[in-house]
N, C-alpha and C. Protein backbone atom coordinates (compact mmCIF):
# COMPACT_ATOMS: atom_id res chain seq x y z
N MET A 1 211.19 104.67 161.72
CA MET A 1 211.42 104.52 160.30
C MET A 1 210.38 105.29 159.50
N VAL A 2 209.11 105.16 159.84
CA VAL A 2 208.06 105.84 159.10
C VAL A 2 208.23 107.34 159.20
N PHE A 3 208.53 107.83 160.40
CA PHE A 3 208.69 109.27 160.60
C PHE A 3 209.82 109.82 159.74
N GLN A 4 210.95 109.11 159.67
CA GLN A 4 212.10 109.58 158.90
C GLN A 4 211.79 109.68 157.41
N GLN A 5 210.87 108.88 156.92
CA GLN A 5 210.52 108.92 155.50
C GLN A 5 209.92 110.26 155.11
N PHE A 6 209.35 110.96 156.05
CA PHE A 6 208.61 112.17 155.74
C PHE A 6 209.27 113.45 156.23
N THR A 7 210.52 113.40 156.66
CA THR A 7 211.17 114.59 157.21
C THR A 7 211.41 115.67 156.16
N ASN A 8 211.58 115.32 154.91
CA ASN A 8 211.86 116.31 153.87
C ASN A 8 210.78 116.41 152.80
N PHE A 9 209.61 115.87 153.05
CA PHE A 9 208.61 115.81 151.99
C PHE A 9 208.14 117.20 151.55
N GLN A 10 208.24 118.21 152.41
CA GLN A 10 207.80 119.56 152.03
C GLN A 10 208.71 120.18 150.97
N LYS A 11 209.91 119.64 150.81
CA LYS A 11 210.84 120.14 149.79
C LYS A 11 210.55 119.55 148.41
N ALA A 12 209.72 118.54 148.35
CA ALA A 12 209.42 117.87 147.08
C ALA A 12 208.51 118.75 146.21
N ASP A 13 208.67 118.62 144.90
CA ASP A 13 207.78 119.34 143.98
C ASP A 13 206.37 118.77 144.04
N PHE A 14 206.28 117.46 144.18
CA PHE A 14 205.00 116.77 144.26
C PHE A 14 205.15 115.58 145.21
N VAL A 15 204.04 115.17 145.80
CA VAL A 15 203.98 113.92 146.53
C VAL A 15 203.01 113.04 145.76
N LEU A 16 203.49 111.89 145.29
CA LEU A 16 202.65 110.96 144.55
C LEU A 16 202.01 110.00 145.53
N VAL A 17 200.70 109.83 145.41
CA VAL A 17 199.95 109.00 146.34
C VAL A 17 199.28 107.86 145.58
N ASN A 18 199.51 106.64 146.05
CA ASN A 18 198.92 105.46 145.42
C ASN A 18 197.46 105.33 145.86
N SER A 19 196.64 106.21 145.32
CA SER A 19 195.22 106.22 145.63
C SER A 19 194.54 107.01 144.52
N PHE A 20 193.25 107.28 144.69
CA PHE A 20 192.58 108.17 143.74
C PHE A 20 191.65 109.09 144.51
N GLN A 21 191.43 110.25 143.92
CA GLN A 21 190.72 111.31 144.61
C GLN A 21 189.35 110.88 145.13
N GLY A 22 188.63 110.10 144.36
CA GLY A 22 187.30 109.66 144.77
C GLY A 22 187.31 108.79 146.00
N LEU A 23 188.41 108.12 146.26
CA LEU A 23 188.51 107.23 147.41
C LEU A 23 188.91 107.97 148.68
N GLU A 24 189.88 108.86 148.54
CA GLU A 24 190.43 109.53 149.72
C GLU A 24 190.50 111.04 149.53
N LEU A 25 189.39 111.63 149.15
CA LEU A 25 189.32 113.07 148.89
C LEU A 25 189.70 113.87 150.13
N HIS A 26 189.15 113.53 151.27
CA HIS A 26 189.43 114.27 152.50
C HIS A 26 190.92 114.25 152.83
N GLU A 27 191.54 113.08 152.75
CA GLU A 27 192.96 112.95 153.05
C GLU A 27 193.80 113.74 152.06
N LYS A 28 193.41 113.70 150.78
CA LYS A 28 194.14 114.45 149.76
C LYS A 28 194.05 115.94 150.05
N GLU A 29 192.88 116.42 150.41
CA GLU A 29 192.70 117.84 150.72
C GLU A 29 193.55 118.25 151.91
N LEU A 30 193.60 117.43 152.94
CA LEU A 30 194.43 117.74 154.12
C LEU A 30 195.90 117.80 153.76
N LEU A 31 196.38 116.81 153.03
CA LEU A 31 197.78 116.76 152.64
C LEU A 31 198.13 117.91 151.69
N SER A 32 197.18 118.32 150.86
CA SER A 32 197.40 119.41 149.91
C SER A 32 197.67 120.74 150.60
N LYS A 33 197.34 120.85 151.86
CA LYS A 33 197.59 122.09 152.61
C LYS A 33 199.08 122.27 152.91
N VAL A 34 199.85 121.18 152.87
CA VAL A 34 201.28 121.28 153.18
C VAL A 34 202.19 120.97 151.99
N CYS A 35 201.64 120.39 150.92
CA CYS A 35 202.46 120.09 149.74
C CYS A 35 201.55 119.82 148.54
N ARG A 36 202.14 119.79 147.36
CA ARG A 36 201.37 119.47 146.16
C ARG A 36 201.22 117.96 146.05
N VAL A 37 199.99 117.51 145.89
CA VAL A 37 199.69 116.08 145.88
C VAL A 37 199.13 115.68 144.52
N LEU A 38 199.64 114.58 144.00
CA LEU A 38 199.08 113.99 142.79
C LEU A 38 198.66 112.56 143.12
N THR A 39 197.38 112.26 142.91
CA THR A 39 196.94 110.88 143.10
C THR A 39 197.18 110.13 141.80
N ILE A 40 197.83 109.01 141.88
CA ILE A 40 198.21 108.26 140.68
C ILE A 40 197.73 106.82 140.72
N GLY A 41 196.84 106.53 141.63
CA GLY A 41 196.47 105.13 141.82
C GLY A 41 195.20 104.74 141.13
N PRO A 42 194.85 103.50 141.28
CA PRO A 42 195.67 102.54 142.02
C PRO A 42 196.81 102.02 141.15
N THR A 43 197.98 101.90 141.74
CA THR A 43 199.12 101.34 141.01
C THR A 43 199.19 99.85 141.31
N ILE A 44 198.20 99.18 140.81
CA ILE A 44 198.10 97.73 140.98
C ILE A 44 198.39 97.09 139.64
N PRO A 45 199.18 96.04 139.61
CA PRO A 45 199.48 95.38 138.33
C PRO A 45 198.20 94.99 137.58
N SER A 46 198.26 95.10 136.28
CA SER A 46 197.13 94.80 135.40
C SER A 46 196.54 93.42 135.65
N MET A 47 197.38 92.47 136.03
CA MET A 47 196.94 91.10 136.31
C MET A 47 195.76 91.06 137.28
N TYR A 48 195.73 92.02 138.24
CA TYR A 48 194.71 92.03 139.28
C TYR A 48 193.57 93.00 138.98
N LEU A 49 193.68 93.75 137.89
CA LEU A 49 192.63 94.70 137.53
C LEU A 49 191.88 94.25 136.29
N ASP A 50 192.41 94.64 135.14
CA ASP A 50 191.72 94.36 133.88
C ASP A 50 192.38 93.28 133.04
N GLN A 51 193.54 92.83 133.45
CA GLN A 51 194.31 91.78 132.77
C GLN A 51 194.62 92.13 131.32
N ARG A 52 194.71 93.43 131.04
CA ARG A 52 195.04 93.91 129.70
C ARG A 52 196.49 93.59 129.33
N ILE A 53 197.40 93.75 130.30
CA ILE A 53 198.82 93.54 130.05
C ILE A 53 199.22 92.24 130.76
N LYS A 54 199.31 91.17 130.01
CA LYS A 54 199.53 89.84 130.59
C LYS A 54 200.83 89.74 131.40
N SER A 55 201.87 90.48 130.99
CA SER A 55 203.16 90.38 131.67
C SER A 55 203.23 91.24 132.93
N ASP A 56 202.24 92.09 133.18
CA ASP A 56 202.23 92.99 134.34
C ASP A 56 201.63 92.25 135.53
N THR A 57 202.48 91.49 136.24
CA THR A 57 201.99 90.62 137.31
C THR A 57 202.44 91.00 138.71
N ASP A 58 203.42 91.89 138.83
CA ASP A 58 203.83 92.27 140.18
C ASP A 58 204.38 93.68 140.20
N TYR A 59 204.74 94.13 141.39
CA TYR A 59 205.23 95.50 141.58
C TYR A 59 206.71 95.67 141.23
N ASP A 60 207.40 94.57 140.97
CA ASP A 60 208.84 94.59 140.70
C ASP A 60 209.65 95.11 141.88
N LEU A 61 209.06 95.08 143.05
CA LEU A 61 209.76 95.49 144.26
C LEU A 61 209.25 94.62 145.40
N ASN A 62 210.16 93.97 146.07
CA ASN A 62 209.76 93.12 147.18
C ASN A 62 210.83 93.21 148.25
N LEU A 63 210.47 93.74 149.40
CA LEU A 63 211.42 93.89 150.49
C LEU A 63 211.50 92.65 151.37
N PHE A 64 210.70 91.64 151.03
CA PHE A 64 210.61 90.46 151.88
C PHE A 64 211.16 89.24 151.15
N ASP A 65 211.37 88.21 151.90
CA ASP A 65 211.92 86.96 151.39
C ASP A 65 210.96 86.31 150.41
N SER A 66 211.42 86.03 149.21
CA SER A 66 210.56 85.41 148.21
C SER A 66 210.21 83.97 148.57
N LYS A 67 210.94 83.40 149.53
CA LYS A 67 210.63 82.04 149.99
C LYS A 67 209.22 82.00 150.58
N ASP A 68 208.85 83.04 151.35
CA ASP A 68 207.50 83.11 151.91
C ASP A 68 206.45 83.18 150.80
N THR A 69 206.76 83.88 149.73
CA THR A 69 205.83 83.97 148.59
C THR A 69 205.58 82.59 148.01
N ALA A 70 206.65 81.85 147.78
CA ALA A 70 206.52 80.52 147.20
C ALA A 70 205.75 79.58 148.13
N ILE A 71 206.08 79.62 149.41
CA ILE A 71 205.38 78.77 150.39
C ILE A 71 203.90 79.10 150.41
N CYS A 72 203.60 80.37 150.47
CA CYS A 72 202.22 80.84 150.55
C CYS A 72 201.42 80.44 149.31
N THR A 73 201.95 80.74 148.15
CA THR A 73 201.25 80.44 146.90
C THR A 73 201.05 78.94 146.71
N THR A 74 202.09 78.17 146.97
CA THR A 74 201.99 76.72 146.83
C THR A 74 200.94 76.16 147.77
N TRP A 75 200.94 76.61 149.03
CA TRP A 75 199.98 76.13 150.02
C TRP A 75 198.55 76.50 149.60
N LEU A 76 198.33 77.75 149.22
CA LEU A 76 196.98 78.19 148.82
C LEU A 76 196.47 77.42 147.61
N ASN A 77 197.35 77.14 146.67
CA ASN A 77 196.93 76.46 145.44
C ASN A 77 196.48 75.02 145.68
N THR A 78 196.76 74.48 146.86
CA THR A 78 196.30 73.12 147.17
C THR A 78 194.94 73.11 147.87
N LYS A 79 194.41 74.29 148.16
CA LYS A 79 193.16 74.39 148.93
C LYS A 79 191.95 74.58 148.01
N PRO A 80 190.81 74.00 148.38
CA PRO A 80 189.59 74.17 147.59
C PRO A 80 189.11 75.63 147.59
N GLN A 81 188.32 75.96 146.60
CA GLN A 81 187.79 77.32 146.48
C GLN A 81 186.99 77.71 147.73
N GLY A 82 187.27 78.91 148.22
CA GLY A 82 186.52 79.46 149.34
C GLY A 82 186.73 78.77 150.67
N SER A 83 187.83 78.04 150.83
CA SER A 83 188.01 77.25 152.06
C SER A 83 188.97 77.88 153.07
N VAL A 84 189.62 78.98 152.71
CA VAL A 84 190.66 79.55 153.57
C VAL A 84 190.26 80.94 154.07
N VAL A 85 190.50 81.17 155.35
CA VAL A 85 190.33 82.48 155.96
C VAL A 85 191.69 83.17 155.96
N TYR A 86 191.73 84.42 155.51
CA TYR A 86 192.98 85.18 155.46
C TYR A 86 192.96 86.22 156.58
N VAL A 87 194.00 86.22 157.41
CA VAL A 87 194.09 87.15 158.52
C VAL A 87 195.39 87.95 158.37
N ALA A 88 195.27 89.26 158.22
CA ALA A 88 196.45 90.12 158.10
C ALA A 88 196.06 91.53 158.54
N PHE A 89 196.92 92.16 159.32
CA PHE A 89 196.62 93.49 159.85
C PHE A 89 197.58 94.56 159.37
N GLY A 90 198.40 94.26 158.37
CA GLY A 90 199.30 95.27 157.83
C GLY A 90 200.56 95.43 158.66
N SER A 91 201.31 96.46 158.31
CA SER A 91 202.63 96.66 158.90
C SER A 91 202.61 97.45 160.20
N LEU A 92 201.55 98.20 160.44
CA LEU A 92 201.56 99.09 161.59
C LEU A 92 200.63 98.67 162.72
N ALA A 93 199.56 97.99 162.43
CA ALA A 93 198.57 97.63 163.46
C ALA A 93 199.18 96.68 164.48
N LYS A 94 198.78 96.89 165.73
CA LYS A 94 199.26 96.02 166.82
C LYS A 94 198.06 95.56 167.62
N LEU A 95 197.94 94.26 167.79
CA LEU A 95 196.90 93.70 168.63
C LEU A 95 197.49 93.42 170.00
N ASN A 96 196.66 93.47 171.02
CA ASN A 96 197.17 93.12 172.34
C ASN A 96 197.08 91.60 172.52
N ASN A 97 197.59 91.09 173.62
CA ASN A 97 197.63 89.64 173.85
C ASN A 97 196.25 89.02 173.84
N VAL A 98 195.29 89.67 174.47
CA VAL A 98 193.92 89.13 174.53
C VAL A 98 193.33 89.06 173.12
N GLN A 99 193.53 90.09 172.32
CA GLN A 99 193.01 90.08 170.95
C GLN A 99 193.64 88.96 170.13
N MET A 100 194.94 88.75 170.30
CA MET A 100 195.62 87.68 169.57
C MET A 100 195.08 86.31 170.00
N GLU A 101 194.86 86.14 171.28
CA GLU A 101 194.31 84.87 171.79
C GLU A 101 192.90 84.64 171.26
N GLU A 102 192.07 85.68 171.25
CA GLU A 102 190.70 85.56 170.74
C GLU A 102 190.70 85.22 169.26
N LEU A 103 191.57 85.87 168.51
CA LEU A 103 191.65 85.61 167.08
C LEU A 103 192.13 84.19 166.82
N ALA A 104 193.13 83.74 167.57
CA ALA A 104 193.62 82.37 167.43
C ALA A 104 192.51 81.37 167.71
N SER A 105 191.74 81.64 168.73
CA SER A 105 190.61 80.76 169.08
C SER A 105 189.56 80.77 167.97
N ALA A 106 189.29 81.95 167.43
CA ALA A 106 188.24 82.08 166.41
C ALA A 106 188.57 81.33 165.12
N VAL A 107 189.83 81.33 164.72
CA VAL A 107 190.19 80.70 163.44
C VAL A 107 190.64 79.26 163.58
N SER A 108 190.82 78.79 164.79
CA SER A 108 191.43 77.47 165.00
C SER A 108 190.66 76.30 164.40
N ASN A 109 189.38 76.44 164.15
CA ASN A 109 188.61 75.34 163.56
C ASN A 109 188.46 75.45 162.04
N PHE A 110 189.20 76.36 161.44
CA PHE A 110 189.11 76.59 160.00
C PHE A 110 190.49 76.49 159.36
N SER A 111 190.51 76.35 158.05
CA SER A 111 191.77 76.50 157.33
C SER A 111 192.06 77.99 157.27
N PHE A 112 193.28 78.38 157.61
CA PHE A 112 193.57 79.81 157.59
C PHE A 112 195.02 80.09 157.22
N LEU A 113 195.21 81.28 156.68
CA LEU A 113 196.52 81.85 156.43
C LEU A 113 196.57 83.11 157.28
N TRP A 114 197.53 83.15 158.20
CA TRP A 114 197.62 84.28 159.13
C TRP A 114 199.01 84.88 159.01
N VAL A 115 199.07 86.16 158.73
CA VAL A 115 200.34 86.88 158.67
C VAL A 115 200.59 87.49 160.05
N VAL A 116 201.65 87.02 160.70
CA VAL A 116 202.01 87.50 162.04
C VAL A 116 203.46 88.00 161.98
N ARG A 117 203.62 89.29 162.17
CA ARG A 117 204.97 89.86 162.14
C ARG A 117 205.79 89.35 163.34
N ASP A 118 207.10 89.41 163.20
CA ASP A 118 208.01 89.00 164.29
C ASP A 118 207.63 89.67 165.60
N SER A 119 207.34 90.97 165.53
CA SER A 119 207.05 91.74 166.74
C SER A 119 205.75 91.31 167.41
N GLU A 120 204.89 90.60 166.72
CA GLU A 120 203.59 90.19 167.26
C GLU A 120 203.54 88.72 167.66
N GLU A 121 204.52 87.94 167.22
CA GLU A 121 204.46 86.49 167.42
C GLU A 121 204.41 86.08 168.89
N ALA A 122 205.09 86.81 169.75
CA ALA A 122 205.10 86.47 171.18
C ALA A 122 203.72 86.61 171.82
N LYS A 123 202.81 87.32 171.16
CA LYS A 123 201.46 87.52 171.70
C LYS A 123 200.52 86.35 171.40
N LEU A 124 200.96 85.43 170.54
CA LEU A 124 200.14 84.25 170.25
C LEU A 124 200.04 83.38 171.51
N PRO A 125 198.96 82.64 171.66
CA PRO A 125 198.84 81.76 172.82
C PRO A 125 200.00 80.77 172.89
N SER A 126 200.41 80.45 174.08
CA SER A 126 201.51 79.51 174.29
C SER A 126 201.22 78.18 173.60
N GLY A 127 202.16 77.71 172.80
CA GLY A 127 202.02 76.43 172.11
C GLY A 127 201.14 76.45 170.88
N PHE A 128 200.58 77.60 170.53
CA PHE A 128 199.65 77.70 169.40
C PHE A 128 200.28 77.23 168.09
N LEU A 129 201.45 77.75 167.77
CA LEU A 129 202.10 77.40 166.50
C LEU A 129 202.46 75.92 166.43
N GLU A 130 202.85 75.35 167.55
CA GLU A 130 203.27 73.95 167.57
C GLU A 130 202.10 72.98 167.39
N THR A 131 200.90 73.41 167.74
CA THR A 131 199.74 72.52 167.66
C THR A 131 198.98 72.62 166.34
N LEU A 132 199.40 73.50 165.45
CA LEU A 132 198.68 73.69 164.20
C LEU A 132 198.86 72.51 163.25
N ASP A 133 197.80 72.18 162.56
CA ASP A 133 197.85 71.19 161.48
C ASP A 133 198.41 71.92 160.26
N LYS A 134 199.63 71.59 159.86
CA LYS A 134 200.33 72.31 158.79
C LYS A 134 199.62 72.22 157.44
N ASP A 135 198.78 71.21 157.24
CA ASP A 135 198.01 71.12 156.00
C ASP A 135 196.82 72.07 156.03
N LYS A 136 196.35 72.36 157.22
CA LYS A 136 195.14 73.16 157.39
C LYS A 136 195.43 74.64 157.64
N CYS A 137 196.58 74.92 158.25
CA CYS A 137 196.88 76.28 158.69
C CYS A 137 198.29 76.69 158.30
N LEU A 138 198.44 77.96 157.95
CA LEU A 138 199.76 78.48 157.60
C LEU A 138 199.93 79.84 158.27
N VAL A 139 201.02 79.99 159.03
CA VAL A 139 201.34 81.26 159.66
C VAL A 139 202.68 81.71 159.09
N LEU A 140 202.68 82.91 158.51
CA LEU A 140 203.88 83.48 157.90
C LEU A 140 204.14 84.87 158.44
N LYS A 141 205.35 85.37 158.22
CA LYS A 141 205.69 86.72 158.63
C LYS A 141 205.29 87.74 157.58
N TRP A 142 205.04 87.29 156.36
CA TRP A 142 204.66 88.17 155.26
C TRP A 142 203.95 87.33 154.21
N SER A 143 203.06 87.97 153.46
CA SER A 143 202.42 87.27 152.34
C SER A 143 202.26 88.24 151.17
N PRO A 144 202.24 87.71 149.96
CA PRO A 144 202.01 88.56 148.78
C PRO A 144 200.51 88.86 148.68
N GLN A 145 200.08 89.96 149.26
CA GLN A 145 198.66 90.21 149.48
C GLN A 145 197.81 90.15 148.21
N LEU A 146 198.25 90.73 147.12
CA LEU A 146 197.44 90.68 145.90
C LEU A 146 197.25 89.25 145.42
N GLU A 147 198.31 88.47 145.47
CA GLU A 147 198.19 87.07 145.05
C GLU A 147 197.26 86.30 145.98
N VAL A 148 197.39 86.57 147.27
CA VAL A 148 196.54 85.89 148.25
C VAL A 148 195.08 86.24 148.01
N LEU A 149 194.78 87.52 147.93
CA LEU A 149 193.39 87.96 147.80
C LEU A 149 192.75 87.53 146.49
N SER A 150 193.56 87.29 145.48
CA SER A 150 192.99 86.86 144.19
C SER A 150 192.98 85.34 144.04
N ASN A 151 193.48 84.62 145.04
CA ASN A 151 193.53 83.16 144.95
C ASN A 151 192.14 82.55 145.17
N LYS A 152 191.86 81.49 144.45
CA LYS A 152 190.56 80.81 144.53
C LYS A 152 190.24 80.31 145.94
N ALA A 153 191.25 80.01 146.72
CA ALA A 153 191.03 79.48 148.07
C ALA A 153 190.36 80.49 148.99
N LEU A 154 190.46 81.78 148.66
CA LEU A 154 189.83 82.81 149.48
C LEU A 154 188.51 83.31 148.91
N GLN A 155 188.20 82.93 147.71
CA GLN A 155 186.99 83.44 147.07
C GLN A 155 185.75 82.83 147.69
N GLU A 156 184.77 83.67 147.87
CA GLU A 156 183.44 83.25 148.33
C GLU A 156 183.47 82.50 149.66
N ASN A 157 184.26 82.98 150.61
CA ASN A 157 184.25 82.32 151.91
C ASN A 157 183.55 83.17 152.96
N LYS A 158 182.54 83.91 152.54
CA LYS A 158 181.77 84.74 153.47
C LYS A 158 181.09 83.89 154.54
N SER A 159 180.70 82.69 154.19
CA SER A 159 180.03 81.83 155.18
C SER A 159 180.98 81.46 156.31
N ILE A 160 182.26 81.30 156.01
CA ILE A 160 183.24 81.01 157.06
C ILE A 160 183.36 82.20 157.99
N ALA A 161 183.44 83.40 157.43
CA ALA A 161 183.55 84.61 158.26
C ALA A 161 182.32 84.76 159.15
N ARG A 162 181.14 84.50 158.60
CA ARG A 162 179.92 84.59 159.41
C ARG A 162 179.95 83.56 160.54
N GLU A 163 180.42 82.36 160.25
CA GLU A 163 180.48 81.30 161.26
C GLU A 163 181.44 81.68 162.39
N ILE A 164 182.58 82.26 162.05
CA ILE A 164 183.54 82.69 163.07
C ILE A 164 182.88 83.74 163.96
N CYS A 165 182.21 84.71 163.34
CA CYS A 165 181.56 85.77 164.13
C CYS A 165 180.47 85.20 165.02
N LYS A 166 179.66 84.29 164.50
CA LYS A 166 178.58 83.70 165.29
C LYS A 166 179.15 82.96 166.51
N ARG A 167 180.21 82.20 166.30
CA ARG A 167 180.80 81.43 167.40
C ARG A 167 181.33 82.36 168.48
N LYS A 168 182.00 83.43 168.08
CA LYS A 168 182.59 84.33 169.07
C LYS A 168 181.49 85.10 169.80
N ILE A 169 180.45 85.52 169.09
CA ILE A 169 179.37 86.26 169.74
C ILE A 169 178.60 85.35 170.69
N SER A 170 178.28 84.14 170.25
CA SER A 170 177.51 83.24 171.11
C SER A 170 178.30 82.83 172.35
N SER A 171 179.62 82.79 172.26
CA SER A 171 180.41 82.43 173.43
C SER A 171 180.47 83.57 174.44
N GLN A 172 180.10 84.78 174.01
CA GLN A 172 180.14 85.92 174.92
C GLN A 172 178.78 86.21 175.54
N ILE A 173 177.73 85.52 175.07
CA ILE A 173 176.38 85.78 175.59
C ILE A 173 176.14 84.98 176.85
């Protein structure tokens, strides 16, 4: 699917990139060798940047089930500030079985929201989903990332991340 999206891009007058030159100058220069590139980013709704435009709250495009959005937002809004660990690897990253097991072990003692795509779910430890405390943990196939990252439940939880790292490192020594 990704490959097919780019089969005719050289015929385009411009390729618009949701980034800015200062962030990805090297990538822009490389892409500019094969087509004209205009950086137009970040194209993030005002709600998450400067809040100048109160009605600008989303991208107006969602390829996923809005039911997951409602479940995710409702669940996060019940959690105290800084109490939730967010785990998401995007649409393309793939972890192997051992990595999924290690990650499941690392977050199991914390409140967490974990986005696990259908293609990755079989890599979770056997029985993992069935043993989760539904008030403490939420596993979804998709999440509204901007809403999640701006939610109070994820703010200032650096101490949780440090604790997870310490536990995993000490168990390997």
